[in-house]
Amino acid sequence: DDTTYYTDSVKGRFTSSRDNAKNT
């Protein structure tokens, strides 16, 4: 669950997360 940003323009605006119970 470590995040690496490949596009600087989305830093501070986009985040990703997991819900293992929903496999999503």
PDB file of all heavy atoms in Angstrom:
ATOM      1  N   ASP A   1       0.807  -1.219   0.000  1.00  0.00           N
ATOM      2  CA  ASP A   1       0.000   0.000   0.000  1.00  0.00           C
ATOM      3  C   ASP A   1       0.843   1.273   0.000  1.00  0.00           C
ATOM      4  O   ASP A   1       0.361   2.340   0.400  1.00  0.00           O
ATOM      5  CB  ASP A   1      -0.986   0.020   1.162  1.00  0.00           C
ATOM      6  CG  ASP A   1      -2.113  -0.970   0.987  1.00  0.00           C
ATOM      7  OD1 ASP A   1      -2.341  -1.432  -0.144  1.00  0.00           O
ATOM      8  OD2 ASP A   1      -2.788  -1.283   1.992  1.00  0.00           O
ATOM      9  N   ASP A   2       2.072   1.177  -0.450  1.00  0.00           N
ATOM     10  CA  ASP A   2       2.876   2.368  -0.712  1.00  0.00           C
ATOM     11  C   ASP A   2       2.531   2.903  -2.096  1.00  0.00           C
ATOM     12  O   ASP A   2       2.361   2.136  -3.039  1.00  0.00           O
ATOM     13  CB  ASP A   2       4.369   2.052  -0.645  1.00  0.00           C
ATOM     14  CG  ASP A   2       4.803   1.550   0.709  1.00  0.00           C
ATOM     15  OD1 ASP A   2       4.350   2.117   1.724  1.00  0.00           O
ATOM     16  OD2 ASP A   2       5.605   0.599   0.766  1.00  0.00           O
ATOM     17  N   THR A   3       2.457   4.203  -2.205  1.00  0.00           N
ATOM     18  CA  THR A   3       2.067   4.843  -3.457  1.00  0.00           C
ATOM     19  C   THR A   3       3.261   5.496  -4.126  1.00  0.00           C
ATOM     20  O   THR A   3       4.033   6.213  -3.478  1.00  0.00           O
ATOM     21  CB  THR A   3       0.976   5.894  -3.226  1.00  0.00           C
ATOM     22  OG1 THR A   3      -0.184   5.261  -2.682  1.00  0.00           O
ATOM     23  CG2 THR A   3       0.601   6.582  -4.533  1.00  0.00           C
ATOM     24  N   THR A   4       3.397   5.249  -5.410  1.00  0.00           N
ATOM     25  CA  THR A   4       4.389   5.911  -6.240  1.00  0.00           C
ATOM     26  C   THR A   4       3.656   6.707  -7.304  1.00  0.00           C
ATOM     27  O   THR A   4       2.806   6.169  -8.011  1.00  0.00           O
ATOM     28  CB  THR A   4       5.327   4.896  -6.903  1.00  0.00           C
ATOM     29  OG1 THR A   4       6.009   4.137  -5.904  1.00  0.00           O
ATOM     30  CG2 THR A   4       6.354   5.617  -7.774  1.00  0.00           C
ATOM     31  N   TYR A   5       3.987   7.976  -7.419  1.00  0.00           N
ATOM     32  CA  TYR A   5       3.375   8.832  -8.418  1.00  0.00           C
ATOM     33  C   TYR A   5       4.265   8.905  -9.647  1.00  0.00           C
ATOM     34  O   TYR A   5       5.463   9.191  -9.547  1.00  0.00           O
ATOM     35  CB  TYR A   5       3.132  10.233  -7.865  1.00  0.00           C
ATOM     36  CG  TYR A   5       2.032  10.283  -6.837  1.00  0.00           C
ATOM     37  CD1 TYR A   5       2.298  10.135  -5.486  1.00  0.00           C
ATOM     38  CD2 TYR A   5       0.703  10.469  -7.229  1.00  0.00           C
ATOM     39  CE1 TYR A   5       1.277  10.169  -4.548  1.00  0.00           C
ATOM     40  CE2 TYR A   5      -0.313  10.505  -6.298  1.00  0.00           C
ATOM     41  CZ  TYR A   5      -0.022  10.354  -4.951  1.00  0.00           C
ATOM     42  OH  TYR A   5      -1.043  10.395  -4.028  1.00  0.00           O
ATOM     43  N   TYR A   6       3.675   8.656 -10.797  1.00  0.00           N
ATOM     44  CA  TYR A   6       4.404   8.724 -12.050  1.00  0.00           C
ATOM     45  C   TYR A   6       4.139  10.022 -12.802  1.00  0.00           C
ATOM     46  O   TYR A   6       4.889  10.362 -13.717  1.00  0.00           O
ATOM     47  CB  TYR A   6       4.037   7.533 -12.940  1.00  0.00           C
ATOM     48  CG  TYR A   6       4.384   6.199 -12.332  1.00  0.00           C
ATOM     49  CD1 TYR A   6       3.437   5.187 -12.252  1.00  0.00           C
ATOM     50  CD2 TYR A   6       5.654   5.947 -11.834  1.00  0.00           C
ATOM     51  CE1 TYR A   6       3.752   3.962 -11.694  1.00  0.00           C
ATOM     52  CE2 TYR A   6       5.976   4.731 -11.275  1.00  0.00           C
ATOM     53  CZ  TYR A   6       5.023   3.732 -11.208  1.00  0.00           C
ATOM     54  OH  TYR A   6       5.339   2.515 -10.653  1.00  0.00           O
ATOM     55  N   THR A   7       3.109  10.715 -12.424  1.00  0.00           N
ATOM     56  CA  THR A   7       2.761  11.994 -13.031  1.00  0.00           C
ATOM     57  C   THR A   7       2.698  13.041 -11.935  1.00  0.00           C
ATOM     58  O   THR A   7       1.851  12.970 -11.047  1.00  0.00           O
ATOM     59  CB  THR A   7       1.410  11.904 -13.760  1.00  0.00           C
ATOM     60  OG1 THR A   7       1.476  10.904 -14.768  1.00  0.00           O
ATOM     61  CG2 THR A   7       1.060  13.238 -14.395  1.00  0.00           C
ATOM     62  N   ASP A   8       3.589  14.024 -12.009  1.00  0.00           N
ATOM     63  CA  ASP A   8       3.667  15.031 -10.955  1.00  0.00           C
ATOM     64  C   ASP A   8       2.373  15.826 -10.828  1.00  0.00           C
ATOM     65  O   ASP A   8       2.024  16.273  -9.731  1.00  0.00           O
ATOM     66  CB  ASP A   8       4.834  15.981 -11.214  1.00  0.00           C
ATOM     67  CG  ASP A   8       6.185  15.334 -10.970  1.00  0.00           C
ATOM     68  OD1 ASP A   8       6.240  14.303 -10.271  1.00  0.00           O
ATOM     69  OD2 ASP A   8       7.187  15.872 -11.480  1.00  0.00           O
ATOM     70  N   SER A   9       1.671  15.992 -11.918  1.00  0.00           N
ATOM     71  CA  SER A   9       0.495  16.848 -11.914  1.00  0.00           C
ATOM     72  C   SER A   9      -0.644  16.302 -11.064  1.00  0.00           C
ATOM     73  O   SER A   9      -1.566  17.051 -10.723  1.00  0.00           O
ATOM     74  CB  SER A   9      -0.001  17.090 -13.344  1.00  0.00           C
ATOM     75  OG  SER A   9      -0.461  15.890 -13.934  1.00  0.00           O
ATOM     76  N   VAL A  10      -0.618  15.015 -10.705  1.00  0.00           N
ATOM     77  CA  VAL A  10      -1.711  14.449  -9.914  1.00  0.00           C
ATOM     78  C   VAL A  10      -1.376  14.361  -8.433  1.00  0.00           C
ATOM     79  O   VAL A  10      -2.247  13.999  -7.633  1.00  0.00           O
ATOM     80  CB  VAL A  10      -2.128  13.060 -10.436  1.00  0.00           C
ATOM     81  CG1 VAL A  10      -2.435  13.120 -11.927  1.00  0.00           C
ATOM     82  CG2 VAL A  10      -1.070  12.005 -10.131  1.00  0.00           C
ATOM     83  N   LYS A  11      -0.152  14.682  -8.051  1.00  0.00           N
ATOM     84  CA  LYS A  11       0.222  14.638  -6.643  1.00  0.00           C
ATOM     85  C   LYS A  11      -0.630  15.620  -5.846  1.00  0.00           C
ATOM     86  O   LYS A  11      -0.825  16.760  -6.240  1.00  0.00           O
ATOM     87  CB  LYS A  11       1.699  14.973  -6.468  1.00  0.00           C
ATOM     88  CG  LYS A  11       2.648  13.920  -6.997  1.00  0.00           C
ATOM     89  CD  LYS A  11       4.098  14.317  -6.759  1.00  0.00           C
ATOM     90  CE  LYS A  11       5.051  13.249  -7.251  1.00  0.00           C
ATOM     91  NZ  LYS A  11       6.465  13.641  -7.047  1.00  0.00           N
ATOM     92  N   GLY A  12      -1.127  15.146  -4.722  1.00  0.00           N
ATOM     93  CA  GLY A  12      -1.995  15.958  -3.898  1.00  0.00           C
ATOM     94  C   GLY A  12      -3.438  15.960  -4.326  1.00  0.00           C
ATOM     95  O   GLY A  12      -4.292  16.501  -3.612  1.00  0.00           O
ATOM     96  N   ARG A  13      -3.731  15.370  -5.475  1.00  0.00           N
ATOM     97  CA  ARG A  13      -5.099  15.326  -5.979  1.00  0.00           C
ATOM     98  C   ARG A  13      -5.631  13.907  -6.129  1.00  0.00           C
ATOM     99  O   ARG A  13      -6.817  13.670  -5.907  1.00  0.00           O
ATOM    100  CB  ARG A  13      -5.192  16.035  -7.335  1.00  0.00           C
ATOM    101  CG  ARG A  13      -4.776  17.498  -7.299  1.00  0.00           C
ATOM    102  CD  ARG A  13      -5.101  18.204  -8.614  1.00  0.00           C
ATOM    103  NE  ARG A  13      -4.377  17.637  -9.743  1.00  0.00           N
ATOM    104  CZ  ARG A  13      -4.960  17.091 -10.814  1.00  0.00           C
ATOM    105  NH1 ARG A  13      -6.287  17.034 -10.899  1.00  0.00           N
ATOM    106  NH2 ARG A  13      -4.218  16.613 -11.805  1.00  0.00           N
ATOM    107  N   PHE A  14      -4.773  12.970  -6.519  1.00  0.00           N
ATOM    108  CA  PHE A  14      -5.185  11.587  -6.747  1.00  0.00           C
ATOM    109  C   PHE A  14      -4.597  10.693  -5.660  1.00  0.00           C
ATOM    110  O   PHE A  14      -3.419  10.825  -5.301  1.00  0.00           O
ATOM    111  CB  PHE A  14      -4.680  11.076  -8.097  1.00  0.00           C
ATOM    112  CG  PHE A  14      -5.341  11.679  -9.307  1.00  0.00           C
ATOM    113  CD1 PHE A  14      -6.151  12.792  -9.220  1.00  0.00           C
ATOM    114  CD2 PHE A  14      -5.136  11.102 -10.555  1.00  0.00           C
ATOM    115  CE1 PHE A  14      -6.752  13.345 -10.342  1.00  0.00           C
ATOM    116  CE2 PHE A  14      -5.721  11.636 -11.683  1.00  0.00           C
ATOM    117  CZ  PHE A  14      -6.530  12.758 -11.579  1.00  0.00           C
ATOM    118  N   THR A  15      -5.400   9.771  -5.168  1.00  0.00           N
ATOM    119  CA  THR A  15      -4.932   8.746  -4.245  1.00  0.00           C
ATOM    120  C   THR A  15      -5.581   7.414  -4.599  1.00  0.00           C
ATOM    121  O   THR A  15      -6.671   7.377  -5.169  1.00  0.00           O
ATOM    122  CB  THR A  15      -5.247   9.085  -2.776  1.00  0.00           C
ATOM    123  OG1 THR A  15      -6.659   9.289  -2.625  1.00  0.00           O
ATOM    124  CG2 THR A  15      -4.499  10.329  -2.327  1.00  0.00           C
ATOM    125  N   SER A  16      -4.904   6.342  -4.241  1.00  0.00           N
ATOM    126  CA  SER A  16      -5.435   5.013  -4.481  1.00  0.00           C
ATOM    127  C   SER A  16      -5.495   4.254  -3.164  1.00  0.00           C
ATOM    128  O   SER A  16      -4.670   4.468  -2.266  1.00  0.00           O
ATOM    129  CB  SER A  16      -4.573   4.259  -5.495  1.00  0.00           C
ATOM    130  OG  SER A  16      -5.176   3.023  -5.860  1.00  0.00           O
ATOM    131  N   SER A  17      -6.467   3.365  -3.050  1.00  0.00           N
ATOM    132  CA  SER A  17      -6.641   2.581  -1.840  1.00  0.00           C
ATOM    133  C   SER A  17      -7.235   1.225  -2.185  1.00  0.00           C
ATOM    134  O   SER A  17      -7.736   1.016  -3.294  1.00  0.00           O
ATOM    135  CB  SER A  17      -7.535   3.317  -0.831  1.00  0.00           C
ATOM    136  OG  SER A  17      -8.828   3.540  -1.368  1.00  0.00           O
ATOM    137  N   ARG A  18      -7.173   0.319  -1.224  1.00  0.00           N
ATOM    138  CA  ARG A  18      -7.684  -1.037  -1.414  1.00  0.00           C
ATOM    139  C   ARG A  18      -8.817  -1.335  -0.436  1.00  0.00           C
ATOM    140  O   ARG A  18      -8.834  -0.843   0.693  1.00  0.00           O
ATOM    141  CB  ARG A  18      -6.588  -2.070  -1.188  1.00  0.00           C
ATOM    142  CG  ARG A  18      -5.395  -1.994  -2.108  1.00  0.00           C
ATOM    143  CD  ARG A  18      -4.334  -2.993  -1.648  1.00  0.00           C
ATOM    144  NE  ARG A  18      -3.116  -2.901  -2.440  1.00  0.00           N
ATOM    145  CZ  ARG A  18      -2.834  -3.684  -3.467  1.00  0.00           C
ATOM    146  NH1 ARG A  18      -3.681  -4.636  -3.838  1.00  0.00           N
ATOM    147  NH2 ARG A  18      -1.698  -3.529  -4.132  1.00  0.00           N
ATOM    148  N   ASP A  19      -9.728  -2.171  -0.879  1.00  0.00           N
ATOM    149  CA  ASP A  19     -10.724  -2.774  -0.012  1.00  0.00           C
ATOM    150  C   ASP A  19     -10.632  -4.272  -0.257  1.00  0.00           C
ATOM    151  O   ASP A  19     -11.213  -4.791  -1.207  1.00  0.00           O
ATOM    152  CB  ASP A  19     -12.121  -2.245  -0.303  1.00  0.00           C
ATOM    153  CG  ASP A  19     -13.162  -2.744   0.680  1.00  0.00           C
ATOM    154  OD1 ASP A  19     -12.947  -3.795   1.312  1.00  0.00           O
ATOM    155  OD2 ASP A  19     -14.206  -2.080   0.819  1.00  0.00           O
ATOM    156  N   ASN A  20      -9.884  -4.956   0.589  1.00  0.00           N
ATOM    157  CA  ASN A  20      -9.631  -6.371   0.366  1.00  0.00           C
ATOM    158  C   ASN A  20     -10.901  -7.211   0.457  1.00  0.00           C
ATOM    159  O   ASN A  20     -11.032  -8.224  -0.234  1.00  0.00           O
ATOM    160  CB  ASN A  20      -8.596  -6.885   1.370  1.00  0.00           C
ATOM    161  CG  ASN A  20      -7.218  -6.326   1.119  1.00  0.00           C
ATOM    162  OD1 ASN A  20      -6.850  -6.014  -0.015  1.00  0.00           O
ATOM    163  ND2 ASN A  20      -6.428  -6.194   2.175  1.00  0.00           N
ATOM    164  N   ALA A  21     -11.836  -6.801   1.296  1.00  0.00           N
ATOM    165  CA  ALA A  21     -13.079  -7.549   1.430  1.00  0.00           C
ATOM    166  C   ALA A  21     -13.865  -7.568   0.131  1.00  0.00           C
ATOM    167  O   ALA A  21     -14.597  -8.516  -0.152  1.00  0.00           O
ATOM    168  CB  ALA A  21     -13.931  -6.973   2.558  1.00  0.00           C
ATOM    169  N   LYS A  22     -13.723  -6.509  -0.661  1.00  0.00           N
ATOM    170  CA  LYS A  22     -14.421  -6.416  -1.938  1.00  0.00           C
ATOM    171  C   LYS A  22     -13.518  -6.735  -3.122  1.00  0.00           C
ATOM    172  O   LYS A  22     -13.979  -6.664  -4.267  1.00  0.00           O
ATOM    173  CB  LYS A  22     -15.010  -5.017  -2.105  1.00  0.00           C
ATOM    174  CG  LYS A  22     -16.064  -4.664  -1.075  1.00  0.00           C
ATOM    175  CD  LYS A  22     -16.609  -3.262  -1.316  1.00  0.00           C
ATOM    176  CE  LYS A  22     -17.687  -2.910  -0.307  1.00  0.00           C
ATOM    177  NZ  LYS A  22     -18.220  -1.538  -0.518  1.00  0.00           N
ATOM    178  N   ASN A  23     -12.247  -7.062  -2.846  1.00  0.00           N
ATOM    179  CA  ASN A  23     -11.272  -7.336  -3.898  1.00  0.00           C
ATOM    180  C   ASN A  23     -11.251  -6.193  -4.915  1.00  0.00           C
ATOM    181  O   ASN A  23     -11.243  -6.411  -6.133  1.00  0.00           O
ATOM    182  CB  ASN A  23     -11.575  -8.667  -4.592  1.00  0.00           C
ATOM    183  CG  ASN A  23     -10.330  -9.354  -5.112  1.00  0.00           C
ATOM    184  OD1 ASN A  23      -9.219  -9.136  -4.631  1.00  0.00           O
ATOM    185  ND2 ASN A  23     -10.515 -10.214  -6.115  1.00  0.00           N
ATOM    186  N   THR A  24     -11.210  -4.990  -4.385  1.00  0.00           N
ATOM    187  CA  THR A  24     -11.370  -3.788  -5.189  1.00  0.00           C
ATOM    188  C   THR A  24     -10.294  -2.764  -4.844  1.00  0.00           C
ATOM    189  O   THR A  24      -9.908  -2.622  -3.680  1.00  0.00           O
ATOM    190  CB  THR A  24     -12.755  -3.165  -4.957  1.00  0.00           C
ATOM    191  OG1 THR A  24     -13.768  -4.105  -5.341  1.00  0.00           O
ATOM    192  CG2 THR A  24     -12.940  -1.890  -5.766  1.00  0.00           C
TER     193      THR A  24
END
